[in-house]
Protein backbone atom coordinates (compact mmCIF):
# COMPACT_ATOMS: atom_id res chain seq x y z
CA UNK A 1 -61.60 -67.99 -44.82
CA UNK A 2 -61.23 -64.87 -46.16
CA UNK A 3 -57.30 -63.80 -46.25
CA UNK A 4 -56.15 -61.38 -43.40
CA UNK A 5 -54.82 -59.08 -45.85
CA UNK A 6 -58.09 -58.26 -47.60
CA UNK A 7 -59.85 -57.88 -44.62
CA UNK A 8 -57.31 -55.19 -43.62
CA UNK A 9 -57.68 -53.71 -47.06
CA UNK A 10 -61.61 -53.63 -46.32
CA UNK A 11 -61.62 -52.53 -42.77
CA UNK A 12 -58.22 -50.73 -41.95
CA UNK A 13 -59.59 -50.07 -38.62
CA UNK A 14 -59.06 -54.16 -38.09
CA UNK A 15 -55.22 -53.80 -38.39
CA UNK A 16 -54.81 -53.12 -34.42
CA UNK A 17 -56.77 -56.84 -34.19
CA UNK A 18 -55.05 -58.75 -36.49
CA UNK A 19 -51.75 -57.35 -35.28
CA UNK A 20 -52.39 -58.31 -31.52
CA UNK A 21 -53.42 -61.75 -32.90
CA UNK A 22 -49.77 -61.90 -34.36
CA UNK A 23 -48.16 -61.15 -31.42
CA UNK A 24 -50.29 -63.49 -29.34
CA UNK A 25 -49.39 -65.86 -31.83
CA UNK A 26 -45.60 -65.00 -31.84
CA UNK A 27 -45.91 -65.31 -27.77
CA UNK A 28 -47.84 -69.11 -28.11
CA UNK A 29 -45.00 -70.06 -30.77
CA UNK A 30 -42.39 -69.22 -28.85
CA UNK A 31 -43.65 -71.25 -25.37
CA UNK A 32 -43.94 -74.51 -27.22
CA UNK A 33 -40.52 -74.13 -28.77
CA UNK A 34 -39.21 -73.52 -25.43
CA UNK A 35 -40.79 -76.35 -24.07
CA UNK A 36 -39.63 -78.52 -26.81
CA UNK A 37 -36.02 -77.56 -26.06
CA UNK A 38 -36.10 -78.47 -22.60
CA UNK A 39 -37.79 -81.60 -23.21
CA UNK A 40 -35.00 -82.57 -25.65
CA UNK A 41 -32.02 -81.47 -23.31
CA UNK A 42 -34.25 -82.86 -20.17
CA UNK A 43 -34.30 -79.90 -18.46
CA UNK A 44 -36.50 -77.59 -16.52
CA UNK A 45 -38.24 -74.59 -18.30
CA UNK A 46 -38.70 -71.43 -16.47
CA UNK A 47 -42.85 -71.58 -16.05
CA UNK A 48 -42.90 -68.07 -14.59
CA UNK A 49 -41.56 -66.34 -17.68
CA UNK A 50 -45.09 -65.75 -19.25
CA UNK A 51 -48.50 -66.92 -19.15
CA UNK A 52 -47.88 -69.60 -21.92
CA UNK A 53 -44.84 -71.07 -20.55
CA UNK A 54 -46.58 -71.58 -17.64
CA UNK A 55 -49.26 -73.39 -19.58
CA UNK A 56 -47.32 -75.24 -21.58
CA UNK A 57 -45.30 -76.38 -18.64
CA UNK A 58 -48.80 -77.64 -16.94
CA UNK A 59 -50.30 -80.77 -16.78
CA UNK A 60 -52.95 -79.41 -18.79
CA UNK A 61 -54.02 -82.05 -22.07
CA UNK A 62 -52.30 -81.63 -25.12
CA UNK A 63 -55.82 -80.65 -26.72
CA UNK A 64 -55.98 -78.04 -24.00
CA UNK A 65 -52.88 -76.57 -25.02
CA UNK A 66 -53.29 -76.49 -29.13
CA UNK A 67 -51.71 -73.03 -30.94
CA UNK A 68 -55.50 -72.40 -31.91
CA UNK A 69 -57.03 -72.24 -28.19
CA UNK A 70 -53.93 -70.39 -26.44
CA UNK A 71 -54.10 -67.93 -29.64
CA UNK A 72 -57.98 -67.52 -28.58
CA UNK A 73 -57.16 -66.96 -25.05
CA UNK A 74 -54.60 -65.02 -25.38
CA UNK A 75 -56.20 -62.29 -27.41
CA UNK A 76 -59.11 -62.45 -24.82
CA UNK A 77 -56.37 -61.87 -21.89
CA UNK A 78 -54.49 -59.18 -23.65
CA UNK A 79 -57.74 -57.40 -25.05
CA UNK A 80 -59.48 -57.53 -22.14
CA UNK A 81 -56.47 -56.10 -20.03
CA UNK A 82 -56.02 -53.34 -22.25
CA UNK A 83 -58.68 -52.07 -24.48
CA UNK A 84 -61.51 -51.72 -21.68
CA UNK A 85 -58.88 -50.10 -19.37
CA UNK A 86 -57.80 -47.50 -22.23
CA UNK A 87 -61.50 -46.32 -23.08
CA UNK A 88 -62.65 -46.03 -19.24
CA UNK A 89 -59.46 -44.01 -18.65
CA UNK A 90 -60.31 -42.07 -22.09
CA UNK A 91 -64.11 -41.55 -21.05
CA UNK A 92 -63.16 -40.29 -17.57
CA UNK A 93 -59.71 -37.87 -18.61
CA UNK A 94 -62.94 -36.17 -21.01
CA UNK A 95 -64.83 -35.48 -18.63
CA UNK A 96 -62.15 -34.06 -16.36
CA UNK A 97 -60.79 -31.97 -18.64
CA UNK A 98 -64.06 -30.84 -20.19
CA UNK A 99 -65.66 -30.07 -16.66
CA UNK A 100 -63.59 -27.20 -14.89
CA UNK A 101 -65.53 -27.92 -11.75
CA UNK A 102 -64.48 -31.63 -11.90
CA UNK A 103 -60.98 -30.85 -12.47
CA UNK A 104 -61.16 -28.43 -9.62
CA UNK A 105 -62.51 -30.43 -7.15
CA UNK A 106 -60.71 -33.38 -8.17
CA UNK A 107 -57.27 -31.44 -7.64
CA UNK A 108 -58.45 -30.23 -4.65
CA UNK A 109 -58.37 -33.50 -3.21
CA UNK A 110 -55.06 -35.00 -4.73
CA UNK A 111 -53.51 -31.84 -3.75
CA UNK A 112 -51.80 -32.97 -0.09
CA UNK A 113 -51.20 -36.53 -1.21
CA UNK A 114 -49.25 -35.65 -3.99
CA UNK A 115 -47.31 -32.89 -2.63
CA UNK A 116 -44.61 -35.09 -2.52
CA UNK A 117 -44.70 -36.58 -6.19
CA UNK A 118 -42.69 -37.64 -8.13
CA UNK A 119 -40.22 -38.40 -5.30
CA UNK A 120 -43.07 -40.10 -3.09
CA UNK A 121 -45.79 -42.25 -4.68
CA UNK A 122 -49.20 -42.60 -3.00
CA UNK A 123 -50.09 -46.48 -2.32
CA UNK A 124 -53.08 -47.89 -3.37
CA UNK A 125 -54.56 -47.73 0.39
CA UNK A 126 -53.96 -44.08 0.52
CA UNK A 127 -55.76 -43.49 -3.11
CA UNK A 128 -58.50 -45.80 -2.18
CA UNK A 129 -59.17 -43.19 0.89
CA UNK A 130 -59.88 -40.55 -1.70
CA UNK A 131 -63.85 -40.24 -1.53
CA UNK A 132 -64.03 -38.22 -5.04
CA UNK A 133 -61.56 -39.86 -6.91
CA UNK A 134 -63.19 -43.09 -6.14
CA UNK A 135 -66.37 -41.48 -7.09
CA UNK A 136 -64.57 -40.61 -10.59
CA UNK A 137 -63.47 -43.80 -11.29
CA UNK A 138 -67.29 -45.61 -10.35
CA UNK A 139 -69.06 -43.25 -12.04
CA UNK A 140 -66.49 -43.22 -15.17
CA UNK A 141 -67.09 -47.50 -14.81
CA UNK A 142 -70.82 -46.78 -14.66
CA UNK A 143 -70.85 -44.60 -18.02
CA UNK A 144 -68.01 -46.51 -20.21
CA UNK A 145 -69.03 -50.11 -20.12
CA UNK A 146 -67.08 -52.90 -20.31
CA UNK A 147 -69.06 -55.18 -22.53
CA UNK A 148 -72.86 -53.93 -23.35
CA UNK A 149 -74.30 -57.22 -24.61
CA UNK A 150 -75.84 -59.75 -22.85
CA UNK A 151 -73.65 -62.35 -20.94
CA UNK A 152 -76.09 -65.40 -20.66
CA UNK A 153 -75.97 -67.89 -17.77
CA UNK A 154 -77.77 -71.01 -17.08
CA UNK A 155 -78.84 -73.18 -14.12
CA UNK A 156 -77.78 -76.59 -15.05
CA UNK A 157 -79.73 -78.21 -12.07
CA UNK A 158 -82.25 -76.39 -10.33
CA UNK A 159 -84.92 -74.01 -11.53
CA UNK A 160 -84.49 -70.56 -10.63
CA UNK A 161 -87.44 -68.80 -8.88
CA UNK A 162 -87.55 -64.61 -9.73
CA UNK A 163 -90.19 -63.08 -7.98
CA UNK A 164 -93.53 -64.68 -9.17
CA UNK A 165 -91.76 -66.44 -12.22
CA UNK A 166 -90.02 -69.86 -12.47
CA UNK A 167 -87.38 -69.92 -14.89
CA UNK A 168 -86.38 -73.66 -15.59
CA UNK A 169 -83.16 -75.29 -15.46
CA UNK A 170 -80.85 -74.83 -18.49
CA UNK A 171 -82.79 -71.98 -19.68
CA UNK A 172 -80.42 -68.93 -20.49
CA UNK A 173 -80.75 -65.90 -18.24
CA UNK A 174 -78.85 -62.43 -18.94
CA UNK A 175 -78.90 -58.70 -18.56
CA UNK A 176 -76.82 -56.00 -20.46
CA UNK A 177 -74.49 -53.70 -18.24
CA UNK A 178 -75.90 -50.99 -20.34
CA UNK A 179 -79.78 -51.25 -19.18
CA UNK A 180 -78.70 -51.68 -16.08
CA UNK A 181 -76.37 -48.89 -15.44
CA UNK A 182 -79.16 -47.04 -17.28
CA UNK A 183 -81.73 -47.45 -14.98
CA UNK A 184 -83.23 -44.02 -13.93
CA UNK A 185 -84.75 -45.92 -11.00
CA UNK A 186 -81.70 -46.42 -9.84
CA UNK A 187 -79.29 -43.58 -11.05
CA UNK A 188 -81.25 -40.64 -11.64
CA UNK A 189 -80.47 -38.86 -14.85
CA UNK A 190 -78.69 -41.66 -15.96
CA UNK A 191 -77.07 -40.43 -19.02
CA UNK A 192 -75.07 -37.68 -17.26
CA UNK A 193 -71.68 -38.25 -15.60
CA UNK A 194 -72.45 -37.29 -12.18
CA UNK A 195 -69.55 -38.51 -9.73
CA UNK A 196 -71.33 -36.78 -6.78
CA UNK A 197 -73.92 -39.78 -6.56
CA UNK A 198 -71.39 -41.91 -5.54
CA UNK A 199 -70.79 -39.56 -2.40
CA UNK A 200 -72.36 -39.99 0.95
CA UNK A 201 -74.92 -42.50 1.81
CA UNK A 202 -75.90 -44.10 -1.71
CA UNK A 203 -79.03 -46.37 -2.32
CA UNK A 204 -77.94 -49.64 -2.19
CA UNK A 205 -79.70 -50.54 -5.38
CA UNK A 206 -76.85 -48.32 -6.91
CA UNK A 207 -74.23 -51.42 -5.61
CA UNK A 208 -76.12 -53.75 -6.45
CA UNK A 209 -76.66 -52.86 -10.10
CA UNK A 210 -73.03 -51.80 -10.62
CA UNK A 211 -71.88 -54.70 -13.02
CA UNK A 212 -69.07 -52.90 -14.89
CA UNK A 213 -67.26 -56.33 -14.49
CA UNK A 214 -70.03 -58.73 -14.15
CA UNK A 215 -70.57 -60.40 -10.90
CA UNK A 216 -70.67 -63.86 -9.61
CA UNK A 217 -68.03 -66.72 -9.90
CA UNK A 218 -66.85 -65.73 -13.31
CA UNK A 219 -66.60 -62.25 -13.29
CA UNK A 220 -63.99 -60.36 -14.96
CA UNK A 221 -60.37 -60.88 -13.54
CA UNK A 222 -59.65 -57.25 -13.80
CA UNK A 223 -61.78 -56.31 -10.53
CA UNK A 224 -59.23 -57.57 -8.32
């Protein structure tokens, strides 16, 4: 394995990732030490203090709670909750600031609901009722892509029938969000940032092919 110091020297941009890995390892180590300390004292550890403490205090098999496993899961957890969100917000912010028409329309829609800010902060339910704001968010999610590569899935028990094709069981099937979000038959002029496409009566296919968080039982927890 190449030492991290050499990787960071060859690829300076990797320092953000290695820094994240170091932070996660520290959290995992702290949770394990806390668990061992409480076990020695015969006291109960506060498992709500962190995700890692919760896992350490669970009845999960020890093999599933190794430092390596928890570090890998922690990196995925932290990166998935920061990098993808930051990318989407950056994408949307760029178009708001570079398109005077978008900025003006958003300001007009927010004018009344934000009148009392910061003394009064609008609730999530109130913001969800703002059609243009929601259209901006959806278009930002459509164009920014959370994960672009394919996420293969297998049907372990039965074949899948798709139109005239039968896909045998255990054959990986996947589709890229990039292609689904840039299908011109569903999203006309797909490379253009057009929030208005999400207003009014929209083509049901737009919702069907809208997969920034993927779909199904293994979709991203960030969609909640």
